[in-house]
Amino acid sequence: MRMSETEKELVAMVLSGRTEAFEPLVTPYRRPLLALACRLTRNREDALEVAQEALLRAFRSLARYDVSRSFRNWLFQIAANEARDRFRRRTREKAALENVAQTEPPHSTPEAGRERREIRSDILQCLALLSPREREVFVLRDLEELSIRETAGALGCSSVSVRVSLSAARRKLREAIRVNFPHLEEGR
């Protein structure tokens, strides 16, 4: 399916600086894009994020779009790539967190090791409550100790976005610990 004349005109308008033309360009594809993302991620929240990111990437990459291709197919390819990238990131995060949870310091007693494993398990449960973005920001900023600017660069977002996500992540973690794991607060 080739690009319609209306779509070509809207692309030309966006590329000439009239960014408001992007909305009518993508409006017919919003529902099918979300449906595709739902099928790929099997999770509504992830699907919403994948669809939103696909639209942002399409907007940023519109100058490289080949008008001889179907706009719908191009947009769907971006969404599929985003879903695939998100799955890979999540798989790597999960493996890294499980690796951290299984690491034992040398010369630890069996009881101390068991207690550390329980605490790590509790912390992993709390981290699972965060959205993928909140978890990424929290891990990079608070666990890997990157600066706000470095975290923003690593995630390809603004410093403000990092601060907002980090604040939300910390708030959710504090609440989860307070409600579900009060024994973790005892060391405060």
C-alpha atoms as a PDB file:
ATOM      1  CA  MET A   1       0.000   0.000   0.000  1.00  0.00           C
ATOM      2  CA  ARG A   2       1.535   3.260  -1.128  1.00  0.00           C
ATOM      3  CA  MET A   3       1.361   6.549   0.653  1.00  0.00           C
ATOM      4  CA  SER A   4      -1.710   8.635  -0.194  1.00  0.00           C
ATOM      5  CA  GLU A   5      -1.423  12.158  -1.580  1.00  0.00           C
ATOM      6  CA  THR A   6      -2.893  13.524   1.666  1.00  0.00           C
ATOM      7  CA  GLU A   7      -0.226  11.715   3.684  1.00  0.00           C
ATOM      8  CA  LYS A   8       2.487  13.058   1.374  1.00  0.00           C
ATOM      9  CA  GLU A   9       1.172  16.594   1.874  1.00  0.00           C
ATOM     10  CA  LEU A  10       1.088  16.140   5.655  1.00  0.00           C
ATOM     11  CA  VAL A  11       4.659  14.788   5.685  1.00  0.00           C
ATOM     12  CA  ALA A  12       5.807  17.767   3.604  1.00  0.00           C
ATOM     13  CA  MET A  13       4.066  20.142   6.024  1.00  0.00           C
ATOM     14  CA  VAL A  14       5.718  18.561   9.058  1.00  0.00           C
ATOM     15  CA  LEU A  15       9.126  18.642   7.384  1.00  0.00           C
ATOM     16  CA  SER A  16       8.641  22.317   6.516  1.00  0.00           C
ATOM     17  CA  GLY A  17       8.194  23.108  10.196  1.00  0.00           C
ATOM     18  CA  ARG A  18       4.433  22.816  10.624  1.00  0.00           C
ATOM     19  CA  THR A  19       4.637  20.144  13.316  1.00  0.00           C
ATOM     20  CA  GLU A  20       0.899  20.326  14.025  1.00  0.00           C
ATOM     21  CA  ALA A  21       0.398  18.385  10.769  1.00  0.00           C
ATOM     22  CA  PHE A  22       1.893  15.290  12.408  1.00  0.00           C
ATOM     23  CA  GLU A  23      -1.272  14.678  14.438  1.00  0.00           C
ATOM     24  CA  PRO A  24      -3.631  14.230  11.436  1.00  0.00           C
ATOM     25  CA  LEU A  25      -0.927  12.145   9.744  1.00  0.00           C
ATOM     26  CA  VAL A  26      -0.817   9.561  12.563  1.00  0.00           C
ATOM     27  CA  THR A  27      -4.403   9.721  13.842  1.00  0.00           C
ATOM     28  CA  PRO A  28      -5.698   6.961  11.502  1.00  0.00           C
ATOM     29  CA  TYR A  29      -2.954   4.649  12.759  1.00  0.00           C
ATOM     30  CA  ARG A  30      -3.212   5.197  16.534  1.00  0.00           C
ATOM     31  CA  ARG A  31      -5.640   2.336  17.232  1.00  0.00           C
ATOM     32  CA  PRO A  32      -3.987  -0.194  14.921  1.00  0.00           C
ATOM     33  CA  LEU A  33      -0.593   0.815  16.336  1.00  0.00           C
ATOM     34  CA  LEU A  34      -1.792   0.263  19.905  1.00  0.00           C
ATOM     35  CA  ALA A  35      -3.373  -3.059  18.912  1.00  0.00           C
ATOM     36  CA  LEU A  36      -0.076  -4.169  17.375  1.00  0.00           C
ATOM     37  CA  ALA A  37       1.842  -3.082  20.478  1.00  0.00           C
ATOM     38  CA  CYS A  38      -0.632  -4.985  22.702  1.00  0.00           C
ATOM     39  CA  ARG A  39      -0.129  -8.140  20.682  1.00  0.00           C
ATOM     40  CA  LEU A  40       3.651  -7.766  20.781  1.00  0.00           C
ATOM     41  CA  THR A  41       4.013  -6.928  24.487  1.00  0.00           C
ATOM     42  CA  ARG A  42       0.969  -8.727  25.921  1.00  0.00           C
ATOM     43  CA  ASN A  43       0.744  -5.920  28.472  1.00  0.00           C
ATOM     44  CA  ARG A  44      -1.393  -2.786  28.123  1.00  0.00           C
ATOM     45  CA  GLU A  45       0.983  -0.468  30.008  1.00  0.00           C
ATOM     46  CA  ASP A  46       3.966  -1.624  27.946  1.00  0.00           C
ATOM     47  CA  ALA A  47       1.881  -1.375  24.790  1.00  0.00           C
ATOM     48  CA  LEU A  48       0.987   2.247  25.531  1.00  0.00           C
ATOM     49  CA  GLU A  49       4.666   3.057  26.073  1.00  0.00           C
ATOM     50  CA  VAL A  50       5.714   1.212  22.898  1.00  0.00           C
ATOM     51  CA  ALA A  51       3.068   3.012  20.823  1.00  0.00           C
ATOM     52  CA  GLN A  52       4.014   6.404  22.263  1.00  0.00           C
ATOM     53  CA  GLU A  53       7.716   5.801  21.692  1.00  0.00           C
ATOM     54  CA  ALA A  54       7.017   4.621  18.143  1.00  0.00           C
ATOM     55  CA  LEU A  55       5.180   7.872  17.413  1.00  0.00           C
ATOM     56  CA  LEU A  56       8.031   9.917  18.883  1.00  0.00           C
ATOM     57  CA  ARG A  57      10.607   8.004  16.865  1.00  0.00           C
ATOM     58  CA  ALA A  58       8.517   8.409  13.721  1.00  0.00           C
ATOM     59  CA  PHE A  59       8.313  12.147  14.308  1.00  0.00           C
ATOM     60  CA  ARG A  60      12.065  12.417  14.885  1.00  0.00           C
ATOM     61  CA  SER A  61      12.868  10.233  11.856  1.00  0.00           C
ATOM     62  CA  LEU A  62      10.307  11.640   9.443  1.00  0.00           C
ATOM     63  CA  ALA A  63      13.011  13.323   7.357  1.00  0.00           C
ATOM     64  CA  ARG A  64      14.467   9.867   6.621  1.00  0.00           C
ATOM     65  CA  TYR A  65      11.103   8.348   5.699  1.00  0.00           C
ATOM     66  CA  ASP A  66      10.955   6.999   2.137  1.00  0.00           C
ATOM     67  CA  VAL A  67       7.640   8.234   0.678  1.00  0.00           C
ATOM     68  CA  SER A  68       7.597   5.346  -1.782  1.00  0.00           C
ATOM     69  CA  ARG A  69       6.919   3.025   1.184  1.00  0.00           C
ATOM     70  CA  SER A  70       3.670   2.602   3.072  1.00  0.00           C
ATOM     71  CA  PHE A  71       3.562   5.011   6.015  1.00  0.00           C
ATOM     72  CA  ARG A  72       1.527   2.495   8.013  1.00  0.00           C
ATOM     73  CA  ASN A  73       4.097  -0.268   7.474  1.00  0.00           C
ATOM     74  CA  TRP A  74       6.953   2.091   8.341  1.00  0.00           C
ATOM     75  CA  LEU A  75       5.221   3.127  11.561  1.00  0.00           C
ATOM     76  CA  PHE A  76       4.471  -0.505  12.448  1.00  0.00           C
ATOM     77  CA  GLN A  77       8.100  -1.458  11.818  1.00  0.00           C
ATOM     78  CA  ILE A  78       9.202   1.253  14.261  1.00  0.00           C
ATOM     79  CA  ALA A  79       6.747  -0.080  16.853  1.00  0.00           C
ATOM     80  CA  ALA A  80       7.932  -3.665  16.363  1.00  0.00           C
ATOM     81  CA  ASN A  81      11.547  -2.568  16.788  1.00  0.00           C
ATOM     82  CA  GLU A  82      10.655  -0.648  19.947  1.00  0.00           C
ATOM     83  CA  ALA A  83       8.822  -3.662  21.397  1.00  0.00           C
ATOM     84  CA  ARG A  84      11.803  -5.884  20.565  1.00  0.00           C
ATOM     85  CA  ASP A  85      14.239  -3.398  22.150  1.00  0.00           C
ATOM     86  CA  ARG A  86      12.063  -3.167  25.254  1.00  0.00           C
ATOM     87  CA  PHE A  87      11.949  -6.974  25.546  1.00  0.00           C
ATOM     88  CA  ARG A  88      15.743  -7.197  25.233  1.00  0.00           C
ATOM     89  CA  ARG A  89      16.249  -4.453  27.836  1.00  0.00           C
ATOM     90  CA  ARG A  90      13.868  -6.147  30.225  1.00  0.00           C
ATOM     91  CA  THR A  91      15.595  -9.510  29.733  1.00  0.00           C
ATOM     92  CA  ARG A  92      18.993  -7.933  30.444  1.00  0.00           C
ATOM     93  CA  GLU A  93      17.625  -6.101  33.520  1.00  0.00           C
ATOM     94  CA  LYS A  94      16.081  -9.256  34.886  1.00  0.00           C
ATOM     95  CA  ALA A  95      19.294 -11.222  34.380  1.00  0.00           C
ATOM     96  CA  ALA A  96      21.360  -8.472  36.009  1.00  0.00           C
ATOM     97  CA  LEU A  97      19.010  -8.208  38.987  1.00  0.00           C
ATOM     98  CA  GLU A  98      18.963 -11.986  39.423  1.00  0.00           C
ATOM     99  CA  ASN A  99      22.761 -12.009  39.234  1.00  0.00           C
ATOM    100  CA  VAL A 100      22.942  -9.353  41.962  1.00  0.00           C
ATOM    101  CA  ALA A 101      20.474 -11.329  44.061  1.00  0.00           C
ATOM    102  CA  GLN A 102      22.623 -14.470  43.840  1.00  0.00           C
ATOM    103  CA  THR A 103      25.989 -12.841  44.561  1.00  0.00           C
ATOM    104  CA  GLU A 104      27.382 -13.606  48.002  1.00  0.00           C
ATOM    105  CA  PRO A 105      30.360 -11.829  49.567  1.00  0.00           C
ATOM    106  CA  PRO A 106      33.275 -14.073  50.560  1.00  0.00           C
ATOM    107  CA  HIS A 107      33.515 -15.361  54.133  1.00  0.00           C
ATOM    108  CA  SER A 108      29.830 -14.936  54.921  1.00  0.00           C
ATOM    109  CA  THR A 109      28.072 -17.161  57.415  1.00  0.00           C
ATOM    110  CA  PRO A 110      25.179 -19.304  56.185  1.00  0.00           C
ATOM    111  CA  GLU A 111      22.738 -17.266  58.304  1.00  0.00           C
ATOM    112  CA  ALA A 112      24.053 -13.928  57.022  1.00  0.00           C
ATOM    113  CA  GLY A 113      23.892 -15.252  53.464  1.00  0.00           C
ATOM    114  CA  ARG A 114      20.291 -16.377  53.929  1.00  0.00           C
ATOM    115  CA  GLU A 115      19.335 -12.994  55.371  1.00  0.00           C
ATOM    116  CA  ARG A 116      21.003 -11.143  52.476  1.00  0.00           C
ATOM    117  CA  ARG A 117      19.197 -13.364  49.943  1.00  0.00           C
ATOM    118  CA  GLU A 118      15.857 -12.634  51.639  1.00  0.00           C
ATOM    119  CA  ILE A 119      16.529  -8.888  51.622  1.00  0.00           C
ATOM    120  CA  ARG A 120      17.590  -9.002  47.953  1.00  0.00           C
ATOM    121  CA  SER A 121      14.442 -10.959  47.120  1.00  0.00           C
ATOM    122  CA  ASP A 122      12.323  -8.337  48.926  1.00  0.00           C
ATOM    123  CA  ILE A 123      14.094  -5.524  47.075  1.00  0.00           C
ATOM    124  CA  LEU A 124      13.591  -7.261  43.727  1.00  0.00           C
ATOM    125  CA  GLN A 125       9.875  -7.551  44.501  1.00  0.00           C
ATOM    126  CA  CYS A 126       9.777  -3.819  45.198  1.00  0.00           C
ATOM    127  CA  LEU A 127      11.634  -3.026  41.968  1.00  0.00           C
ATOM    128  CA  ALA A 128       9.072  -5.102  40.058  1.00  0.00           C
ATOM    129  CA  LEU A 129       6.430  -2.554  41.111  1.00  0.00           C
ATOM    130  CA  LEU A 130       8.144   0.192  39.121  1.00  0.00           C
ATOM    131  CA  SER A 131       7.396   0.979  35.505  1.00  0.00           C
ATOM    132  CA  PRO A 132      10.199   0.047  33.099  1.00  0.00           C
ATOM    133  CA  ARG A 133      11.302   3.709  32.816  1.00  0.00           C
ATOM    134  CA  GLU A 134      11.237   4.224  36.593  1.00  0.00           C
ATOM    135  CA  ARG A 135      13.263   1.046  37.091  1.00  0.00           C
ATOM    136  CA  GLU A 136      15.820   2.096  34.457  1.00  0.00           C
ATOM    137  CA  VAL A 137      16.215   5.541  36.007  1.00  0.00           C
ATOM    138  CA  PHE A 138      16.423   4.166  39.567  1.00  0.00           C
ATOM    139  CA  VAL A 139      19.002   1.528  38.654  1.00  0.00           C
ATOM    140  CA  LEU A 140      21.179   3.934  36.656  1.00  0.00           C
ATOM    141  CA  ARG A 141      20.949   6.855  39.070  1.00  0.00           C
ATOM    142  CA  ASP A 142      20.805   5.242  42.517  1.00  0.00           C
ATOM    143  CA  LEU A 143      22.451   1.857  42.018  1.00  0.00           C
ATOM    144  CA  GLU A 144      24.974   2.603  39.266  1.00  0.00           C
ATOM    145  CA  GLU A 145      25.439   6.152  40.640  1.00  0.00           C
ATOM    146  CA  LEU A 146      25.274   7.949  37.298  1.00  0.00           C
ATOM    147  CA  SER A 147      24.557  11.669  37.428  1.00  0.00           C
ATOM    148  CA  ILE A 148      21.184  13.019  36.319  1.00  0.00           C
ATOM    149  CA  ARG A 149      22.771  14.218  33.069  1.00  0.00           C
ATOM    150  CA  GLU A 150      24.523  10.866  32.458  1.00  0.00           C
ATOM    151  CA  THR A 151      21.283   8.979  33.152  1.00  0.00           C
ATOM    152  CA  ALA A 152      19.389  11.226  30.735  1.00  0.00           C
ATOM    153  CA  GLY A 153      22.054  10.633  28.081  1.00  0.00           C
ATOM    154  CA  ALA A 154      21.990   6.870  28.592  1.00  0.00           C
ATOM    155  CA  LEU A 155      18.199   6.757  28.269  1.00  0.00           C
ATOM    156  CA  GLY A 156      17.895   9.368  25.535  1.00  0.00           C
ATOM    157  CA  CYS A 157      15.564  11.609  27.529  1.00  0.00           C
ATOM    158  CA  SER A 158      15.699  14.971  29.290  1.00  0.00           C
ATOM    159  CA  SER A 159      17.096  15.637  32.754  1.00  0.00           C
ATOM    160  CA  VAL A 160      13.615  16.733  33.819  1.00  0.00           C
ATOM    161  CA  SER A 161      12.218  13.378  32.723  1.00  0.00           C
ATOM    162  CA  VAL A 162      14.917  11.599  34.760  1.00  0.00           C
ATOM    163  CA  ARG A 163      14.093  13.674  37.849  1.00  0.00           C
ATOM    164  CA  VAL A 164      10.351  13.010  37.506  1.00  0.00           C
ATOM    165  CA  SER A 165      10.844   9.255  36.997  1.00  0.00           C
ATOM    166  CA  LEU A 166      13.386   9.045  39.813  1.00  0.00           C
ATOM    167  CA  SER A 167      11.082  10.862  42.215  1.00  0.00           C
ATOM    168  CA  ALA A 168       8.191   8.554  41.318  1.00  0.00           C
ATOM    169  CA  ALA A 169      10.423   5.465  41.647  1.00  0.00           C
ATOM    170  CA  ARG A 170      11.723   6.483  45.067  1.00  0.00           C
ATOM    171  CA  ARG A 171       8.210   7.301  46.283  1.00  0.00           C
ATOM    172  CA  LYS A 172       6.859   3.937  45.093  1.00  0.00           C
ATOM    173  CA  LEU A 173       9.787   2.057  46.622  1.00  0.00           C
ATOM    174  CA  ARG A 174       9.431   3.831  49.989  1.00  0.00           C
ATOM    175  CA  GLU A 175       5.721   3.044  50.051  1.00  0.00           C
ATOM    176  CA  ALA A 176       6.229  -0.593  49.017  1.00  0.00           C
ATOM    177  CA  ILE A 177       8.877  -1.068  51.679  1.00  0.00           C
ATOM    178  CA  ARG A 178       6.754   0.636  54.328  1.00  0.00           C
ATOM    179  CA  VAL A 179       3.668  -1.460  53.538  1.00  0.00           C
ATOM    180  CA  ASN A 180       5.063  -4.828  52.456  1.00  0.00           C
ATOM    181  CA  PHE A 181       8.528  -5.071  53.967  1.00  0.00           C
ATOM    182  CA  PRO A 182       8.672  -3.037  57.187  1.00  0.00           C
ATOM    183  CA  HIS A 183      11.651  -5.125  58.324  1.00  0.00           C
ATOM    184  CA  LEU A 184      13.718  -3.409  55.610  1.00  0.00           C
ATOM    185  CA  GLU A 185      13.034  -0.033  57.247  1.00  0.00           C
ATOM    186  CA  GLU A 186      14.368  -1.141  60.622  1.00  0.00           C
ATOM    187  CA  GLY A 187      17.954  -0.323  59.622  1.00  0.00           C
ATOM    188  CA  ARG A 188      17.109   3.340  59.016  1.00  0.00           C
END
